[in-house]
Amino acid sequence: MKPTRAPRLHRADGVRRGEGSEGSERGVAALEFALVFPLLFLLTYGLMTFGLILITQHTLTLAAAEGARAALRYSTDPGAAACAAANQATHWLAGDLLDCVAQKPAPTVCPYDSTRQCMRVTVIYPYGTRPLVPTLPLIGLALPNELRASAMVQLEPALSGH
């Protein structure tokens, strides 16, 4: 008995290399990645950017409140004390890049009682010129130019005798 050879496998008619079910899926994963990656990147970038903006806004709010409390403790120059305390609370954020505005107590009356003196402490971070994360061309349009927080504190009663 003669050994028989295994039959030669021939491609079916009409099936050529790259046209079968396996060949037609080549590169699909790379194409899917190329389509999905920009969306995932923008989502991650947006979450990170707006999360940092919210953290910064919260820090500025706390710094303004700390500055307002400092204005109560130092009666000789409450404006300077308020700004110094606000800058101290935000030194990790930008150092001396923050603008602190503490209105003098003399011209500022409390909105709820005109016989009382109030001081408003406003802390401003220039986010447009100093972003925490580099901005992308189109997403930069949705970002604020500045972050601002303010706090008001009532000082001693006015000298009008009330």
N, C-alpha and C. Protein backbone atom coordinates (compact mmCIF):
# COMPACT_ATOMS: atom_id res chain seq x y z
N MET A 1 0.81 -1.16 0.00
CA MET A 1 0.00 0.00 0.00
C MET A 1 0.87 1.24 0.00
N LYS A 2 0.53 2.04 -0.89
CA LYS A 2 1.27 3.28 -1.06
C LYS A 2 0.73 4.32 -0.10
N PRO A 3 1.66 5.10 0.52
CA PRO A 3 1.16 6.15 1.39
C PRO A 3 0.45 7.22 0.56
N THR A 4 -0.63 7.65 1.08
CA THR A 4 -1.38 8.68 0.37
C THR A 4 -1.00 10.05 0.90
N ARG A 5 -0.98 10.91 0.02
CA ARG A 5 -0.67 12.29 0.40
C ARG A 5 -1.93 12.97 0.89
N ALA A 6 -1.67 13.89 1.77
CA ALA A 6 -2.81 14.69 2.23
C ALA A 6 -3.26 15.57 1.08
N PRO A 7 -4.53 15.72 0.95
CA PRO A 7 -4.98 16.54 -0.17
C PRO A 7 -4.52 17.99 0.01
N ARG A 8 -4.18 18.57 -1.07
CA ARG A 8 -3.76 19.98 -1.06
C ARG A 8 -4.96 20.87 -0.88
N LEU A 9 -4.79 21.81 0.01
CA LEU A 9 -5.89 22.73 0.24
C LEU A 9 -5.74 23.91 -0.70
N HIS A 10 -6.76 24.14 -1.41
CA HIS A 10 -6.78 25.28 -2.32
C HIS A 10 -7.77 26.30 -1.78
N ARG A 11 -7.47 27.50 -2.10
CA ARG A 11 -8.42 28.54 -1.71
C ARG A 11 -9.69 28.38 -2.51
N ALA A 12 -10.75 28.72 -1.84
CA ALA A 12 -12.02 28.65 -2.55
C ALA A 12 -12.05 29.73 -3.62
N ASP A 13 -12.80 29.48 -4.61
CA ASP A 13 -12.91 30.47 -5.68
C ASP A 13 -13.48 31.77 -5.13
N GLY A 14 -12.92 32.86 -5.53
CA GLY A 14 -13.43 34.17 -5.13
C GLY A 14 -12.86 34.67 -3.81
N VAL A 15 -12.14 33.81 -3.10
CA VAL A 15 -11.56 34.24 -1.83
C VAL A 15 -10.09 34.51 -2.08
N ARG A 16 -9.74 35.71 -1.97
CA ARG A 16 -8.35 36.09 -2.16
C ARG A 16 -7.80 36.61 -0.86
N ARG A 17 -6.55 36.75 -0.84
CA ARG A 17 -5.90 37.24 0.37
C ARG A 17 -6.42 38.64 0.71
N GLY A 18 -6.85 38.83 1.97
CA GLY A 18 -7.33 40.13 2.40
C GLY A 18 -8.81 40.32 2.18
N GLU A 19 -9.47 39.39 1.50
CA GLU A 19 -10.89 39.55 1.25
C GLU A 19 -11.74 38.67 2.15
N GLY A 20 -11.14 37.78 2.90
CA GLY A 20 -11.90 36.88 3.76
C GLY A 20 -12.34 37.60 5.02
N SER A 21 -12.95 36.85 5.90
CA SER A 21 -13.47 37.46 7.12
C SER A 21 -12.34 37.94 8.01
N GLU A 22 -11.22 37.23 8.01
CA GLU A 22 -10.10 37.68 8.84
C GLU A 22 -9.38 38.87 8.21
N GLY A 23 -9.23 38.88 6.96
CA GLY A 23 -8.50 39.94 6.29
C GLY A 23 -9.24 41.26 6.27
N SER A 24 -10.55 41.22 6.27
CA SER A 24 -11.30 42.48 6.20
C SER A 24 -11.31 43.22 7.53
N GLU A 25 -10.92 42.57 8.61
CA GLU A 25 -10.92 43.21 9.93
C GLU A 25 -9.54 43.75 10.31
N ARG A 26 -8.60 43.63 9.43
CA ARG A 26 -7.27 44.13 9.75
C ARG A 26 -7.30 45.64 9.84
N GLY A 27 -6.76 46.20 10.93
CA GLY A 27 -6.69 47.64 11.10
C GLY A 27 -7.93 48.26 11.71
N VAL A 28 -8.94 47.46 12.01
CA VAL A 28 -10.17 48.01 12.58
C VAL A 28 -9.90 48.52 13.99
N ALA A 29 -9.09 47.82 14.75
CA ALA A 29 -8.79 48.26 16.12
C ALA A 29 -8.07 49.61 16.09
N ALA A 30 -7.15 49.78 15.17
CA ALA A 30 -6.44 51.05 15.06
C ALA A 30 -7.40 52.17 14.64
N LEU A 31 -8.32 51.85 13.77
CA LEU A 31 -9.30 52.84 13.33
C LEU A 31 -10.24 53.22 14.48
N GLU A 32 -10.69 52.23 15.24
CA GLU A 32 -11.55 52.52 16.39
C GLU A 32 -10.81 53.36 17.42
N PHE A 33 -9.56 53.04 17.66
CA PHE A 33 -8.76 53.82 18.60
C PHE A 33 -8.61 55.25 18.12
N ALA A 34 -8.36 55.42 16.83
CA ALA A 34 -8.19 56.77 16.27
C ALA A 34 -9.48 57.58 16.38
N LEU A 35 -10.63 56.93 16.35
CA LEU A 35 -11.89 57.65 16.48
C LEU A 35 -12.28 57.92 17.93
N VAL A 36 -11.95 57.01 18.83
CA VAL A 36 -12.38 57.13 20.22
C VAL A 36 -11.39 57.92 21.07
N PHE A 37 -10.11 57.86 20.76
CA PHE A 37 -9.10 58.52 21.59
C PHE A 37 -9.32 60.02 21.73
N PRO A 38 -9.59 60.77 20.66
CA PRO A 38 -9.81 62.22 20.85
C PRO A 38 -10.99 62.52 21.79
N LEU A 39 -12.04 61.73 21.70
CA LEU A 39 -13.18 61.95 22.59
C LEU A 39 -12.80 61.68 24.05
N LEU A 40 -12.09 60.58 24.28
CA LEU A 40 -11.66 60.27 25.65
C LEU A 40 -10.66 61.31 26.17
N PHE A 41 -9.80 61.78 25.30
CA PHE A 41 -8.83 62.80 25.70
C PHE A 41 -9.54 64.10 26.08
N LEU A 42 -10.50 64.53 25.28
CA LEU A 42 -11.24 65.76 25.59
C LEU A 42 -12.04 65.61 26.87
N LEU A 43 -12.62 64.45 27.09
CA LEU A 43 -13.36 64.22 28.32
C LEU A 43 -12.44 64.28 29.54
N THR A 44 -11.30 63.64 29.45
CA THR A 44 -10.34 63.66 30.55
C THR A 44 -9.79 65.07 30.77
N TYR A 45 -9.46 65.76 29.69
CA TYR A 45 -8.95 67.12 29.80
C TYR A 45 -9.99 68.05 30.42
N GLY A 46 -11.24 67.92 29.99
CA GLY A 46 -12.30 68.77 30.54
C GLY A 46 -12.54 68.51 32.01
N LEU A 47 -12.55 67.24 32.40
CA LEU A 47 -12.72 66.92 33.82
C LEU A 47 -11.59 67.49 34.66
N MET A 48 -10.37 67.35 34.16
CA MET A 48 -9.22 67.85 34.91
C MET A 48 -9.23 69.38 34.97
N THR A 49 -9.48 70.03 33.87
CA THR A 49 -9.45 71.49 33.83
C THR A 49 -10.54 72.10 34.70
N PHE A 50 -11.76 71.65 34.52
CA PHE A 50 -12.85 72.25 35.29
C PHE A 50 -12.80 71.82 36.76
N GLY A 51 -12.24 70.65 37.04
CA GLY A 51 -12.02 70.27 38.44
C GLY A 51 -11.03 71.20 39.11
N LEU A 52 -9.94 71.53 38.42
CA LEU A 52 -8.96 72.46 38.98
C LEU A 52 -9.54 73.87 39.11
N ILE A 53 -10.39 74.27 38.19
CA ILE A 53 -11.03 75.58 38.31
C ILE A 53 -11.93 75.62 39.55
N LEU A 54 -12.67 74.55 39.79
CA LEU A 54 -13.54 74.52 40.97
C LEU A 54 -12.72 74.51 42.26
N ILE A 55 -11.61 73.79 42.27
CA ILE A 55 -10.74 73.78 43.45
C ILE A 55 -10.17 75.18 43.69
N THR A 56 -9.75 75.84 42.63
CA THR A 56 -9.20 77.19 42.75
C THR A 56 -10.27 78.17 43.23
N GLN A 57 -11.47 78.05 42.70
CA GLN A 57 -12.56 78.93 43.14
C GLN A 57 -12.84 78.73 44.62
N HIS A 58 -12.84 77.49 45.07
CA HIS A 58 -13.06 77.21 46.49
C HIS A 58 -11.93 77.80 47.34
N THR A 59 -10.71 77.69 46.86
CA THR A 59 -9.57 78.26 47.58
C THR A 59 -9.69 79.78 47.68
N LEU A 60 -10.10 80.42 46.59
CA LEU A 60 -10.26 81.88 46.61
C LEU A 60 -11.37 82.30 47.57
N THR A 61 -12.44 81.53 47.62
CA THR A 61 -13.53 81.84 48.55
C THR A 61 -13.05 81.75 49.99
N LEU A 62 -12.30 80.69 50.28
CA LEU A 62 -11.76 80.56 51.64
C LEU A 62 -10.75 81.66 51.95
N ALA A 63 -9.96 82.07 50.96
CA ALA A 63 -8.98 83.14 51.18
C ALA A 63 -9.67 84.47 51.44
N ALA A 64 -10.75 84.75 50.71
CA ALA A 64 -11.49 85.99 50.95
C ALA A 64 -12.11 85.99 52.35
N ALA A 65 -12.63 84.85 52.78
CA ALA A 65 -13.20 84.76 54.13
C ALA A 65 -12.11 84.92 55.19
N GLU A 66 -10.96 84.34 54.94
CA GLU A 66 -9.84 84.50 55.89
C GLU A 66 -9.38 85.95 55.95
N GLY A 67 -9.35 86.62 54.80
CA GLY A 67 -9.00 88.03 54.79
C GLY A 67 -10.02 88.88 55.53
N ALA A 68 -11.29 88.55 55.38
CA ALA A 68 -12.33 89.30 56.09
C ALA A 68 -12.20 89.10 57.60
N ARG A 69 -11.89 87.88 58.03
CA ARG A 69 -11.68 87.65 59.47
C ARG A 69 -10.46 88.40 59.98
N ALA A 70 -9.43 88.49 59.16
CA ALA A 70 -8.23 89.23 59.57
C ALA A 70 -8.53 90.72 59.70
N ALA A 71 -9.44 91.23 58.90
CA ALA A 71 -9.81 92.65 59.00
C ALA A 71 -10.46 92.94 60.35
N LEU A 72 -11.12 91.97 60.93
CA LEU A 72 -11.72 92.16 62.26
C LEU A 72 -10.66 92.23 63.36
N ARG A 73 -9.59 91.49 63.20
CA ARG A 73 -8.56 91.41 64.24
C ARG A 73 -7.65 92.62 64.27
N TYR A 74 -7.39 93.22 63.11
CA TYR A 74 -6.43 94.32 63.03
C TYR A 74 -7.16 95.61 62.69
N SER A 75 -7.34 96.46 63.67
CA SER A 75 -8.13 97.67 63.44
C SER A 75 -7.30 98.84 62.91
N THR A 76 -5.96 98.78 63.00
CA THR A 76 -5.17 99.91 62.53
C THR A 76 -5.21 100.02 61.01
N ASP A 77 -4.98 98.94 60.31
CA ASP A 77 -5.06 98.93 58.85
C ASP A 77 -5.74 97.63 58.42
N PRO A 78 -7.06 97.58 58.49
CA PRO A 78 -7.74 96.32 58.19
C PRO A 78 -7.60 95.88 56.74
N GLY A 79 -7.47 96.83 55.82
CA GLY A 79 -7.33 96.47 54.41
C GLY A 79 -6.04 95.72 54.13
N ALA A 80 -4.94 96.22 54.67
CA ALA A 80 -3.65 95.54 54.47
C ALA A 80 -3.65 94.19 55.16
N ALA A 81 -4.24 94.12 56.35
CA ALA A 81 -4.29 92.84 57.06
C ALA A 81 -5.14 91.83 56.30
N ALA A 82 -6.23 92.30 55.72
CA ALA A 82 -7.11 91.41 54.96
C ALA A 82 -6.40 90.85 53.74
N CYS A 83 -5.70 91.71 53.00
CA CYS A 83 -4.99 91.24 51.81
C CYS A 83 -3.82 90.34 52.16
N ALA A 84 -3.12 90.65 53.25
CA ALA A 84 -2.02 89.79 53.67
C ALA A 84 -2.53 88.40 54.04
N ALA A 85 -3.64 88.33 54.75
CA ALA A 85 -4.20 87.03 55.12
C ALA A 85 -4.71 86.27 53.90
N ALA A 86 -5.31 86.98 52.95
CA ALA A 86 -5.79 86.32 51.74
C ALA A 86 -4.63 85.79 50.91
N ASN A 87 -3.56 86.56 50.80
CA ASN A 87 -2.39 86.09 50.06
C ASN A 87 -1.72 84.92 50.76
N GLN A 88 -1.72 84.93 52.08
CA GLN A 88 -1.15 83.82 52.84
C GLN A 88 -1.94 82.53 52.59
N ALA A 89 -3.25 82.65 52.49
CA ALA A 89 -4.10 81.48 52.28
C ALA A 89 -3.97 80.90 50.88
N THR A 90 -3.49 81.70 49.94
CA THR A 90 -3.39 81.23 48.55
C THR A 90 -1.96 81.22 48.04
N HIS A 91 -0.98 81.19 48.92
CA HIS A 91 0.41 81.25 48.46
C HIS A 91 0.78 80.04 47.59
N TRP A 92 0.15 78.90 47.81
CA TRP A 92 0.44 77.71 47.00
C TRP A 92 -0.08 77.86 45.58
N LEU A 93 -1.08 78.70 45.41
CA LEU A 93 -1.73 78.80 44.11
C LEU A 93 -0.92 79.63 43.13
N ALA A 94 -0.56 80.82 43.52
CA ALA A 94 0.10 81.70 42.55
C ALA A 94 1.12 82.62 43.17
N GLY A 95 1.42 82.46 44.42
CA GLY A 95 2.37 83.37 45.04
C GLY A 95 1.79 84.76 45.13
N ASP A 96 2.45 85.72 44.50
CA ASP A 96 2.00 87.11 44.55
C ASP A 96 1.21 87.52 43.31
N LEU A 97 0.70 86.57 42.55
CA LEU A 97 -0.03 86.91 41.34
C LEU A 97 -1.48 87.26 41.59
N LEU A 98 -1.96 87.05 42.79
CA LEU A 98 -3.36 87.35 43.09
C LEU A 98 -3.55 88.84 43.29
N ASP A 99 -4.69 89.32 42.86
CA ASP A 99 -5.08 90.69 43.16
C ASP A 99 -6.04 90.64 44.34
N CYS A 100 -5.73 91.41 45.36
CA CYS A 100 -6.60 91.47 46.52
C CYS A 100 -7.11 92.90 46.63
N VAL A 101 -8.40 93.03 46.70
CA VAL A 101 -9.02 94.35 46.83
C VAL A 101 -9.79 94.35 48.14
N ALA A 102 -9.38 95.20 49.05
CA ALA A 102 -10.09 95.36 50.32
C ALA A 102 -10.57 96.79 50.39
N GLN A 103 -11.85 96.98 50.26
CA GLN A 103 -12.39 98.34 50.29
C GLN A 103 -12.22 98.92 51.69
N LYS A 104 -11.87 100.15 51.73
CA LYS A 104 -11.70 100.83 53.02
C LYS A 104 -13.04 100.87 53.75
N PRO A 105 -13.02 100.78 55.06
CA PRO A 105 -14.28 100.73 55.79
C PRO A 105 -15.03 102.06 55.81
N ALA A 106 -14.37 103.18 55.62
CA ALA A 106 -15.07 104.47 55.74
C ALA A 106 -16.16 104.65 54.68
N PRO A 107 -15.87 104.47 53.38
CA PRO A 107 -16.92 104.72 52.41
C PRO A 107 -17.90 103.56 52.24
N THR A 108 -17.60 102.42 52.81
CA THR A 108 -18.44 101.26 52.60
C THR A 108 -19.41 101.09 53.75
N VAL A 109 -20.66 101.18 53.44
CA VAL A 109 -21.68 100.92 54.46
C VAL A 109 -22.25 99.53 54.20
N CYS A 110 -22.70 98.92 55.26
CA CYS A 110 -23.27 97.58 55.12
C CYS A 110 -24.57 97.65 54.33
N PRO A 111 -24.81 96.72 53.46
CA PRO A 111 -26.03 96.76 52.66
C PRO A 111 -27.30 96.59 53.49
N TYR A 112 -27.20 95.99 54.63
CA TYR A 112 -28.38 95.74 55.46
C TYR A 112 -28.60 96.81 56.53
N ASP A 113 -27.58 97.66 56.82
CA ASP A 113 -27.71 98.70 57.84
C ASP A 113 -26.74 99.82 57.50
N SER A 114 -27.25 100.98 57.14
CA SER A 114 -26.39 102.07 56.71
C SER A 114 -25.63 102.71 57.86
N THR A 115 -25.93 102.35 59.09
CA THR A 115 -25.19 102.91 60.23
C THR A 115 -23.97 102.06 60.57
N ARG A 116 -23.78 100.97 59.90
CA ARG A 116 -22.65 100.07 60.19
C ARG A 116 -21.61 100.17 59.08
N GLN A 117 -20.36 99.92 59.48
CA GLN A 117 -19.28 99.88 58.51
C GLN A 117 -18.96 98.43 58.17
N CYS A 118 -18.80 98.19 56.91
CA CYS A 118 -18.44 96.85 56.44
C CYS A 118 -17.19 96.93 55.58
N MET A 119 -16.54 95.82 55.49
CA MET A 119 -15.39 95.72 54.59
C MET A 119 -15.61 94.52 53.69
N ARG A 120 -15.46 94.75 52.41
CA ARG A 120 -15.55 93.66 51.43
C ARG A 120 -14.14 93.34 50.96
N VAL A 121 -13.79 92.07 51.05
CA VAL A 121 -12.49 91.59 50.59
C VAL A 121 -12.74 90.77 49.33
N THR A 122 -12.11 91.17 48.24
CA THR A 122 -12.26 90.47 46.97
C THR A 122 -10.89 89.96 46.53
N VAL A 123 -10.84 88.69 46.19
CA VAL A 123 -9.61 88.06 45.73
C VAL A 123 -9.83 87.65 44.28
N ILE A 124 -8.88 88.02 43.41
CA ILE A 124 -9.02 87.78 41.97
C ILE A 124 -7.80 87.00 41.49
N TYR A 125 -8.05 85.91 40.75
CA TYR A 125 -6.97 85.14 40.13
C TYR A 125 -7.10 85.30 38.61
N PRO A 126 -6.04 85.78 37.93
CA PRO A 126 -6.12 85.99 36.48
C PRO A 126 -5.95 84.67 35.71
N TYR A 127 -7.02 83.91 35.59
CA TYR A 127 -6.93 82.58 34.97
C TYR A 127 -6.63 82.67 33.47
N GLY A 128 -7.08 83.72 32.82
CA GLY A 128 -6.83 83.85 31.39
C GLY A 128 -5.36 83.96 31.05
N THR A 129 -4.59 84.64 31.89
CA THR A 129 -3.16 84.80 31.63
C THR A 129 -2.32 83.76 32.35
N ARG A 130 -2.85 83.14 33.39
CA ARG A 130 -2.12 82.14 34.17
C ARG A 130 -2.97 80.88 34.37
N PRO A 131 -3.29 80.14 33.30
CA PRO A 131 -4.12 78.94 33.49
C PRO A 131 -3.36 77.86 34.25
N LEU A 132 -4.09 77.06 34.99
CA LEU A 132 -3.47 75.99 35.76
C LEU A 132 -3.07 74.82 34.86
N VAL A 133 -3.80 74.63 33.78
CA VAL A 133 -3.52 73.59 32.79
C VAL A 133 -3.45 74.31 31.44
N PRO A 134 -2.50 73.95 30.58
CA PRO A 134 -2.46 74.61 29.27
C PRO A 134 -3.80 74.47 28.54
N THR A 135 -4.22 75.54 27.92
CA THR A 135 -5.53 75.53 27.26
C THR A 135 -5.42 75.03 25.83
N LEU A 136 -6.46 74.35 25.40
CA LEU A 136 -6.57 73.92 24.02
C LEU A 136 -7.28 75.01 23.23
N PRO A 137 -7.05 75.09 21.92
CA PRO A 137 -7.59 76.21 21.15
C PRO A 137 -9.09 76.45 21.30
N LEU A 138 -9.92 75.46 21.12
CA LEU A 138 -11.36 75.71 21.18
C LEU A 138 -11.91 75.65 22.59
N ILE A 139 -11.31 74.86 23.44
CA ILE A 139 -11.80 74.74 24.81
C ILE A 139 -11.47 76.01 25.59
N GLY A 140 -10.44 76.71 25.20
CA GLY A 140 -10.09 77.95 25.88
C GLY A 140 -11.19 79.00 25.83
N LEU A 141 -12.08 78.89 24.87
CA LEU A 141 -13.20 79.84 24.78
C LEU A 141 -14.20 79.65 25.91
N ALA A 142 -14.28 78.45 26.46
CA ALA A 142 -15.24 78.17 27.53
C ALA A 142 -14.67 78.45 28.91
N LEU A 143 -13.40 78.81 28.99
CA LEU A 143 -12.76 79.04 30.29
C LEU A 143 -12.88 80.50 30.69
N PRO A 144 -12.96 80.77 31.99
CA PRO A 144 -13.09 82.17 32.43
C PRO A 144 -11.77 82.92 32.31
N ASN A 145 -11.86 84.24 32.17
CA ASN A 145 -10.66 85.07 32.15
C ASN A 145 -10.10 85.30 33.53
N GLU A 146 -10.99 85.34 34.52
CA GLU A 146 -10.55 85.51 35.89
C GLU A 146 -11.49 84.77 36.83
N LEU A 147 -10.93 84.37 37.94
CA LEU A 147 -11.72 83.77 39.01
C LEU A 147 -11.77 84.78 40.14
N ARG A 148 -12.95 84.98 40.70
CA ARG A 148 -13.15 86.04 41.68
C ARG A 148 -13.98 85.50 42.83
N ALA A 149 -13.57 85.87 44.04
CA ALA A 149 -14.34 85.52 45.24
C ALA A 149 -14.30 86.71 46.18
N SER A 150 -15.38 86.92 46.90
CA SER A 150 -15.41 88.04 47.84
C SER A 150 -16.15 87.63 49.10
N ALA A 151 -15.81 88.32 50.17
CA ALA A 151 -16.45 88.11 51.46
C ALA A 151 -16.63 89.47 52.11
N MET A 152 -17.70 89.62 52.87
CA MET A 152 -17.97 90.88 53.55
C MET A 152 -18.05 90.62 55.04
N VAL A 153 -17.48 91.56 55.80
CA VAL A 153 -17.51 91.45 57.25
C VAL A 153 -17.92 92.80 57.83
N GLN A 154 -18.68 92.75 58.90
CA GLN A 154 -19.10 93.98 59.57
C GLN A 154 -18.05 94.36 60.59
N LEU A 155 -17.59 95.61 60.49
CA LEU A 155 -16.62 96.13 61.44
C LEU A 155 -17.38 96.74 62.61
N GLU A 156 -16.68 97.49 63.41
CA GLU A 156 -17.32 98.15 64.55
C GLU A 156 -18.43 99.07 64.07
N PRO A 157 -19.42 99.36 64.92
CA PRO A 157 -20.47 100.29 64.50
C PRO A 157 -19.88 101.65 64.13
N ALA A 158 -20.56 102.33 63.23
CA ALA A 158 -20.10 103.65 62.79
C ALA A 158 -20.09 104.61 63.97
N LEU A 159 -19.34 105.67 63.83
CA LEU A 159 -19.17 106.63 64.93
C LEU A 159 -20.37 107.55 65.10
N SER A 160 -21.47 107.22 64.48
CA SER A 160 -22.64 108.08 64.58
C SER A 160 -23.42 107.85 65.87
N GLY A 161 -22.96 106.96 66.73
CA GLY A 161 -23.60 106.77 68.02
C GLY A 161 -24.59 105.63 68.06
N HIS A 162 -24.74 104.86 67.02
CA HIS A 162 -25.68 103.74 67.02
C HIS A 162 -25.05 102.49 67.53
